[in-house]
């Protein structure tokens, strides 16, 4: 399903951003939008969080259902 792939891509982007925060103290999203408190950053963080919640549903789908959709 397209939504599954988009959500997974956003979760990967979020994971890479958190990895850069942990290893280099560099927050790419905050850098792009000015700060962590900037509206753009908050929107991106929220969209990535929603994608993460969507990906939780992947854990509870049967294998056949996942392959049927893709």
PDB file of N, CA and C in Angstrom:
ATOM      1  N   UNK A   1       0.843  -1.174   0.000  1.00  0.00           N
ATOM      2  CA  UNK A   1       0.000   0.000   0.000  1.00  0.00           C
ATOM      3  C   UNK A   1       0.895   1.247   0.000  1.00  0.00           C
ATOM      4  N   UNK A   2       0.515   2.235  -0.735  1.00  0.00           N
ATOM      5  CA  UNK A   2       1.301   3.458  -0.870  1.00  0.00           C
ATOM      6  C   UNK A   2       1.492   4.148   0.478  1.00  0.00           C
ATOM      7  N   UNK A   3       0.444   4.193   1.281  1.00  0.00           N
ATOM      8  CA  UNK A   3       0.533   4.861   2.582  1.00  0.00           C
ATOM      9  C   UNK A   3       1.564   4.170   3.477  1.00  0.00           C
ATOM     10  N   UNK A   4       1.643   2.856   3.405  1.00  0.00           N
ATOM     11  CA  UNK A   4       2.628   2.113   4.192  1.00  0.00           C
ATOM     12  C   UNK A   4       4.047   2.518   3.793  1.00  0.00           C
ATOM     13  N   UNK A   5       4.280   2.622   2.511  1.00  0.00           N
ATOM     14  CA  UNK A   5       5.620   2.977   2.024  1.00  0.00           C
ATOM     15  C   UNK A   5       5.988   4.417   2.383  1.00  0.00           C
ATOM     16  N   UNK A   6       5.042   5.321   2.278  1.00  0.00           N
ATOM     17  CA  UNK A   6       5.299   6.714   2.653  1.00  0.00           C
ATOM     18  C   UNK A   6       5.597   6.806   4.142  1.00  0.00           C
ATOM     19  N   UNK A   7       4.793   6.119   4.954  1.00  0.00           N
ATOM     20  CA  UNK A   7       5.011   6.132   6.396  1.00  0.00           C
ATOM     21  C   UNK A   7       6.372   5.541   6.743  1.00  0.00           C
ATOM     22  N   UNK A   8       6.724   4.445   6.114  1.00  0.00           N
ATOM     23  CA  UNK A   8       8.019   3.825   6.381  1.00  0.00           C
ATOM     24  C   UNK A   8       9.156   4.756   5.986  1.00  0.00           C
ATOM     25  N   UNK A   9       9.034   5.425   4.858  1.00  0.00           N
ATOM     26  CA  UNK A   9      10.052   6.370   4.426  1.00  0.00           C
ATOM     27  C   UNK A   9      10.207   7.508   5.438  1.00  0.00           C
ATOM     28  N   UNK A  10       9.101   8.034   5.931  1.00  0.00           N
ATOM     29  CA  UNK A  10       9.154   9.114   6.920  1.00  0.00           C
ATOM     30  C   UNK A  10       9.778   8.647   8.230  1.00  0.00           C
ATOM     31  N   UNK A  11       9.476   7.422   8.628  1.00  0.00           N
ATOM     32  CA  UNK A  11      10.069   6.879   9.853  1.00  0.00           C
ATOM     33  C   UNK A  11      11.578   6.725   9.676  1.00  0.00           C
ATOM     34  N   UNK A  12      12.014   6.300   8.507  1.00  0.00           N
ATOM     35  CA  UNK A  12      13.454   6.179   8.236  1.00  0.00           C
ATOM     36  C   UNK A  12      14.118   7.547   8.293  1.00  0.00           C
ATOM     37  N   UNK A  13      13.492   8.550   7.692  1.00  0.00           N
ATOM     38  CA  UNK A  13      14.033   9.917   7.745  1.00  0.00           C
ATOM     39  C   UNK A  13      14.129  10.378   9.201  1.00  0.00           C
ATOM     40  N   UNK A  14      13.093  10.106   9.977  1.00  0.00           N
ATOM     41  CA  UNK A  14      13.114  10.480  11.388  1.00  0.00           C
ATOM     42  C   UNK A  14      14.216   9.762  12.150  1.00  0.00           C
ATOM     43  N   UNK A  15      14.401   8.491  11.859  1.00  0.00           N
ATOM     44  CA  UNK A  15      15.451   7.725  12.527  1.00  0.00           C
ATOM     45  C   UNK A  15      16.836   8.270  12.173  1.00  0.00           C
ATOM     46  N   UNK A  16      17.036   8.613  10.916  1.00  0.00           N
ATOM     47  CA  UNK A  16      18.322   9.185  10.505  1.00  0.00           C
ATOM     48  C   UNK A  16      18.556  10.543  11.168  1.00  0.00           C
ATOM     49  N   UNK A  17      17.494  11.332  11.296  1.00  0.00           N
ATOM     50  CA  UNK A  17      17.620  12.625  11.965  1.00  0.00           C
ATOM     51  C   UNK A  17      17.993  12.424  13.432  1.00  0.00           C
ATOM     52  N   UNK A  18      17.319  11.492  14.114  1.00  0.00           N
ATOM     53  CA  UNK A  18      17.648  11.229  15.520  1.00  0.00           C
ATOM     54  C   UNK A  18      19.051  10.658  15.653  1.00  0.00           C
ATOM     55  N   UNK A  19      19.475   9.863  14.692  1.00  0.00           N
ATOM     56  CA  UNK A  19      20.842   9.355  14.706  1.00  0.00           C
ATOM     57  C   UNK A  19      21.854  10.478  14.603  1.00  0.00           C
ATOM     58  N   UNK A  20      21.572  11.450  13.745  1.00  0.00           N
ATOM     59  CA  UNK A  20      22.492  12.588  13.615  1.00  0.00           C
ATOM     60  C   UNK A  20      22.480  13.454  14.875  1.00  0.00           C
ATOM     61  N   UNK A  21      21.332  13.529  15.543  1.00  0.00           N
ATOM     62  CA  UNK A  21      21.266  14.258  16.816  1.00  0.00           C
ATOM     63  C   UNK A  21      22.122  13.534  17.857  1.00  0.00           C
ATOM     64  N   UNK A  22      21.977  12.222  17.929  1.00  0.00           N
ATOM     65  CA  UNK A  22      22.713  11.444  18.920  1.00  0.00           C
ATOM     66  C   UNK A  22      24.214  11.412  18.683  1.00  0.00           C
ATOM     67  N   UNK A  23      24.617  11.289  17.430  1.00  0.00           N
ATOM     68  CA  UNK A  23      26.044  11.153  17.136  1.00  0.00           C
ATOM     69  C   UNK A  23      26.763  12.484  16.962  1.00  0.00           C
ATOM     70  N   UNK A  24      26.078  13.451  16.354  1.00  0.00           N
ATOM     71  CA  UNK A  24      26.757  14.696  15.993  1.00  0.00           C
ATOM     72  C   UNK A  24      26.142  15.951  16.614  1.00  0.00           C
ATOM     73  N   UNK A  25      25.078  15.767  17.407  1.00  0.00           N
ATOM     74  CA  UNK A  25      24.342  16.915  17.966  1.00  0.00           C
ATOM     75  C   UNK A  25      23.873  17.864  16.857  1.00  0.00           C
ATOM     76  N   UNK A  26      23.442  17.266  15.754  1.00  0.00           N
ATOM     77  CA  UNK A  26      22.976  18.054  14.609  1.00  0.00           C
ATOM     78  C   UNK A  26      21.566  17.611  14.248  1.00  0.00           C
ATOM     79  N   UNK A  27      20.622  18.517  14.416  1.00  0.00           N
ATOM     80  CA  UNK A  27      19.221  18.243  14.096  1.00  0.00           C
ATOM     81  C   UNK A  27      18.927  18.867  12.726  1.00  0.00           C
ATOM     82  N   UNK A  28      18.855  18.032  11.705  1.00  0.00           N
ATOM     83  CA  UNK A  28      18.659  18.512  10.343  1.00  0.00           C
ATOM     84  C   UNK A  28      17.348  19.279  10.190  1.00  0.00           C
ATOM     85  N   UNK A  29      16.278  18.776  10.796  1.00  0.00           N
ATOM     86  CA  UNK A  29      14.974  19.437  10.687  1.00  0.00           C
ATOM     87  C   UNK A  29      15.038  20.834  11.309  1.00  0.00           C
ATOM     88  N   UNK A  30      15.603  20.935  12.503  1.00  0.00           N
ATOM     89  CA  UNK A  30      15.720  22.240  13.163  1.00  0.00           C
ATOM     90  C   UNK A  30      16.612  23.171  12.353  1.00  0.00           C
ATOM     91  N   UNK A  31      17.671  22.617  11.774  1.00  0.00           N
ATOM     92  CA  UNK A  31      18.573  23.433  10.963  1.00  0.00           C
ATOM     93  C   UNK A  31      17.850  23.976   9.730  1.00  0.00           C
ATOM     94  N   UNK A  32      17.041  23.136   9.085  1.00  0.00           N
ATOM     95  CA  UNK A  32      16.324  23.566   7.885  1.00  0.00           C
ATOM     96  C   UNK A  32      15.277  24.628   8.167  1.00  0.00           C
ATOM     97  N   UNK A  33      14.634  24.526   9.343  1.00  0.00           N
ATOM     98  CA  UNK A  33      13.522  25.426   9.631  1.00  0.00           C
ATOM     99  C   UNK A  33      13.832  26.490  10.675  1.00  0.00           C
ATOM    100  N   UNK A  34      15.057  26.581  11.137  1.00  0.00           N
ATOM    101  CA  UNK A  34      15.437  27.661  12.034  1.00  0.00           C
ATOM    102  C   UNK A  34      15.602  27.258  13.484  1.00  0.00           C
ATOM    103  N   UNK A  35      14.758  26.410  13.995  1.00  0.00           N
ATOM    104  CA  UNK A  35      14.865  25.928  15.375  1.00  0.00           C
ATOM    105  C   UNK A  35      13.873  24.788  15.577  1.00  0.00           C
ATOM    106  N   UNK A  36      14.018  24.121  16.721  1.00  0.00           N
ATOM    107  CA  UNK A  36      13.071  23.046  17.025  1.00  0.00           C
ATOM    108  C   UNK A  36      11.679  23.592  17.295  1.00  0.00           C
ATOM    109  N   UNK A  37      11.600  24.820  17.750  1.00  0.00           N
ATOM    110  CA  UNK A  37      10.308  25.423  18.088  1.00  0.00           C
ATOM    111  C   UNK A  37       9.620  26.076  16.892  1.00  0.00           C
ATOM    112  N   UNK A  38      10.298  26.177  15.760  1.00  0.00           N
ATOM    113  CA  UNK A  38       9.703  26.803  14.577  1.00  0.00           C
ATOM    114  C   UNK A  38       8.507  25.975  14.094  1.00  0.00           C
ATOM    115  N   UNK A  39       7.541  26.648  13.548  1.00  0.00           N
ATOM    116  CA  UNK A  39       6.317  25.979  13.095  1.00  0.00           C
ATOM    117  C   UNK A  39       6.614  24.877  12.083  1.00  0.00           C
ATOM    118  N   UNK A  40       7.503  25.135  11.143  1.00  0.00           N
ATOM    119  CA  UNK A  40       7.849  24.124  10.139  1.00  0.00           C
ATOM    120  C   UNK A  40       8.433  22.873  10.773  1.00  0.00           C
ATOM    121  N   UNK A  41       9.339  23.063  11.727  1.00  0.00           N
ATOM    122  CA  UNK A  41       9.930  21.920  12.431  1.00  0.00           C
ATOM    123  C   UNK A  41       8.870  21.133  13.178  1.00  0.00           C
ATOM    124  N   UNK A  42       7.991  21.831  13.859  1.00  0.00           N
ATOM    125  CA  UNK A  42       6.948  21.157  14.638  1.00  0.00           C
ATOM    126  C   UNK A  42       6.020  20.359  13.731  1.00  0.00           C
ATOM    127  N   UNK A  43       5.731  20.878  12.554  1.00  0.00           N
ATOM    128  CA  UNK A  43       4.883  20.153  11.602  1.00  0.00           C
ATOM    129  C   UNK A  43       5.598  18.886  11.129  1.00  0.00           C
ATOM    130  N   UNK A  44       6.871  19.001  10.773  1.00  0.00           N
ATOM    131  CA  UNK A  44       7.639  17.842  10.317  1.00  0.00           C
ATOM    132  C   UNK A  44       7.726  16.799  11.417  1.00  0.00           C
ATOM    133  N   UNK A  45       8.037  17.224  12.652  1.00  0.00           N
ATOM    134  CA  UNK A  45       8.106  16.274  13.770  1.00  0.00           C
ATOM    135  C   UNK A  45       6.763  15.568  13.970  1.00  0.00           C
ATOM    136  N   UNK A  46       5.674  16.298  13.836  1.00  0.00           N
ATOM    137  CA  UNK A  46       4.343  15.716  14.021  1.00  0.00           C
ATOM    138  C   UNK A  46       4.015  14.724  12.916  1.00  0.00           C
ATOM    139  N   UNK A  47       4.332  15.066  11.675  1.00  0.00           N
ATOM    140  CA  UNK A  47       4.073  14.163  10.552  1.00  0.00           C
ATOM    141  C   UNK A  47       4.880  12.871  10.702  1.00  0.00           C
ATOM    142  N   UNK A  48       6.130  12.999  11.134  1.00  0.00           N
ATOM    143  CA  UNK A  48       6.960  11.809  11.332  1.00  0.00           C
ATOM    144  C   UNK A  48       6.425  10.967  12.485  1.00  0.00           C
ATOM    145  N   UNK A  49       5.953  11.608  13.538  1.00  0.00           N
ATOM    146  CA  UNK A  49       5.358  10.864  14.654  1.00  0.00           C
ATOM    147  C   UNK A  49       4.105  10.119  14.208  1.00  0.00           C
ATOM    148  N   UNK A  50       3.271  10.758  13.402  1.00  0.00           N
ATOM    149  CA  UNK A  50       2.071  10.090  12.881  1.00  0.00           C
ATOM    150  C   UNK A  50       2.447   8.918  11.978  1.00  0.00           C
ATOM    151  N   UNK A  51       3.516   9.088  11.206  1.00  0.00           N
ATOM    152  CA  UNK A  51       3.993   7.981  10.370  1.00  0.00           C
ATOM    153  C   UNK A  51       4.450   6.816  11.239  1.00  0.00           C
ATOM    154  N   UNK A  52       5.100   7.123  12.350  1.00  0.00           N
ATOM    155  CA  UNK A  52       5.517   6.076  13.275  1.00  0.00           C
ATOM    156  C   UNK A  52       4.334   5.329  13.846  1.00  0.00           C
ATOM    157  N   UNK A  53       3.287   6.056  14.190  1.00  0.00           N
ATOM    158  CA  UNK A  53       2.066   5.404  14.688  1.00  0.00           C
ATOM    159  C   UNK A  53       1.448   4.526  13.611  1.00  0.00           C
ATOM    160  N   UNK A  54       1.460   5.003  12.383  1.00  0.00           N
ATOM    161  CA  UNK A  54       0.929   4.207  11.270  1.00  0.00           C
ATOM    162  C   UNK A  54       1.718   2.906  11.126  1.00  0.00           C
ATOM    163  N   UNK A  55       3.045   3.002  11.275  1.00  0.00           N
ATOM    164  CA  UNK A  55       3.896   1.818  11.126  1.00  0.00           C
ATOM    165  C   UNK A  55       3.660   0.794  12.225  1.00  0.00           C
ATOM    166  N   UNK A  56       3.150   1.223  13.362  1.00  0.00           N
ATOM    167  CA  UNK A  56       2.804   0.264  14.421  1.00  0.00           C
ATOM    168  C   UNK A  56       1.765  -0.725  13.893  1.00  0.00           C
ATOM    169  N   UNK A  57       0.867  -0.250  13.044  1.00  0.00           N
ATOM    170  CA  UNK A  57      -0.165  -1.139  12.494  1.00  0.00           C
ATOM    171  C   UNK A  57       0.445  -2.248  11.643  1.00  0.00           C
ATOM    172  N   UNK A  58       1.635  -2.005  11.082  1.00  0.00           N
ATOM    173  CA  UNK A  58       2.302  -3.035  10.279  1.00  0.00           C
ATOM    174  C   UNK A  58       2.662  -4.256  11.130  1.00  0.00           C
ATOM    175  N   UNK A  59       2.910  -4.043  12.408  1.00  0.00           N
ATOM    176  CA  UNK A  59       3.257  -5.146  13.300  1.00  0.00           C
ATOM    177  C   UNK A  59       2.098  -6.119  13.495  1.00  0.00           C
ATOM    178  N   UNK A  60       0.888  -5.624  13.352  1.00  0.00           N
ATOM    179  CA  UNK A  60      -0.287  -6.427  13.656  1.00  0.00           C
ATOM    180  C   UNK A  60      -0.996  -6.963  12.420  1.00  0.00           C
ATOM    181  N   UNK A  61      -0.455  -6.693  11.262  1.00  0.00           N
ATOM    182  CA  UNK A  61      -1.048  -7.223  10.035  1.00  0.00           C
ATOM    183  C   UNK A  61      -0.489  -8.609   9.758  1.00  0.00           C
ATOM    184  N   UNK A  62      -1.322  -9.445   9.187  1.00  0.00           N
ATOM    185  CA  UNK A  62      -0.839 -10.770   8.828  1.00  0.00           C
ATOM    186  C   UNK A  62       0.083 -10.649   7.615  1.00  0.00           C
ATOM    187  N   UNK A  63       0.921 -11.621   7.444  1.00  0.00           N
ATOM    188  CA  UNK A  63       1.875 -11.598   6.332  1.00  0.00           C
ATOM    189  C   UNK A  63       1.153 -11.601   4.986  1.00  0.00           C
ATOM    190  N   UNK A  64       0.107 -12.377   4.865  1.00  0.00           N
ATOM    191  CA  UNK A  64      -0.646 -12.438   3.612  1.00  0.00           C
ATOM    192  C   UNK A  64      -1.290 -11.090   3.291  1.00  0.00           C
ATOM    193  N   UNK A  65      -1.804 -10.432   4.324  1.00  0.00           N
ATOM    194  CA  UNK A  65      -2.453  -9.134   4.106  1.00  0.00           C
ATOM    195  C   UNK A  65      -1.446  -8.107   3.620  1.00  0.00           C
ATOM    196  N   UNK A  66      -0.222  -8.127   4.148  1.00  0.00           N
ATOM    197  CA  UNK A  66       0.808  -7.177   3.714  1.00  0.00           C
ATOM    198  C   UNK A  66       1.189  -7.418   2.269  1.00  0.00           C
ATOM    199  N   UNK A  67       1.343  -8.674   1.859  1.00  0.00           N
ATOM    200  CA  UNK A  67       1.742  -8.986   0.490  1.00  0.00           C
ATOM    201  C   UNK A  67       0.600  -8.772  -0.490  1.00  0.00           C
ATOM    202  N   UNK A  68      -0.606  -8.949  -0.024  1.00  0.00           N
ATOM    203  CA  UNK A  68      -1.779  -8.763  -0.889  1.00  0.00           C
ATOM    204  C   UNK A  68      -1.901  -7.302  -1.297  1.00  0.00           C
ATOM    205  N   UNK A  69      -1.627  -6.405  -0.385  1.00  0.00           N
ATOM    206  CA  UNK A  69      -1.768  -4.979  -0.642  1.00  0.00           C
ATOM    207  C   UNK A  69      -0.659  -4.493  -1.556  1.00  0.00           C
ATOM    208  N   UNK A  70       0.550  -4.995  -1.401  1.00  0.00           N
ATOM    209  CA  UNK A  70       1.688  -4.528  -2.195  1.00  0.00           C
ATOM    210  C   UNK A  70       1.667  -5.274  -3.479  1.00  0.00           C
TER     211      UNK A  70
END
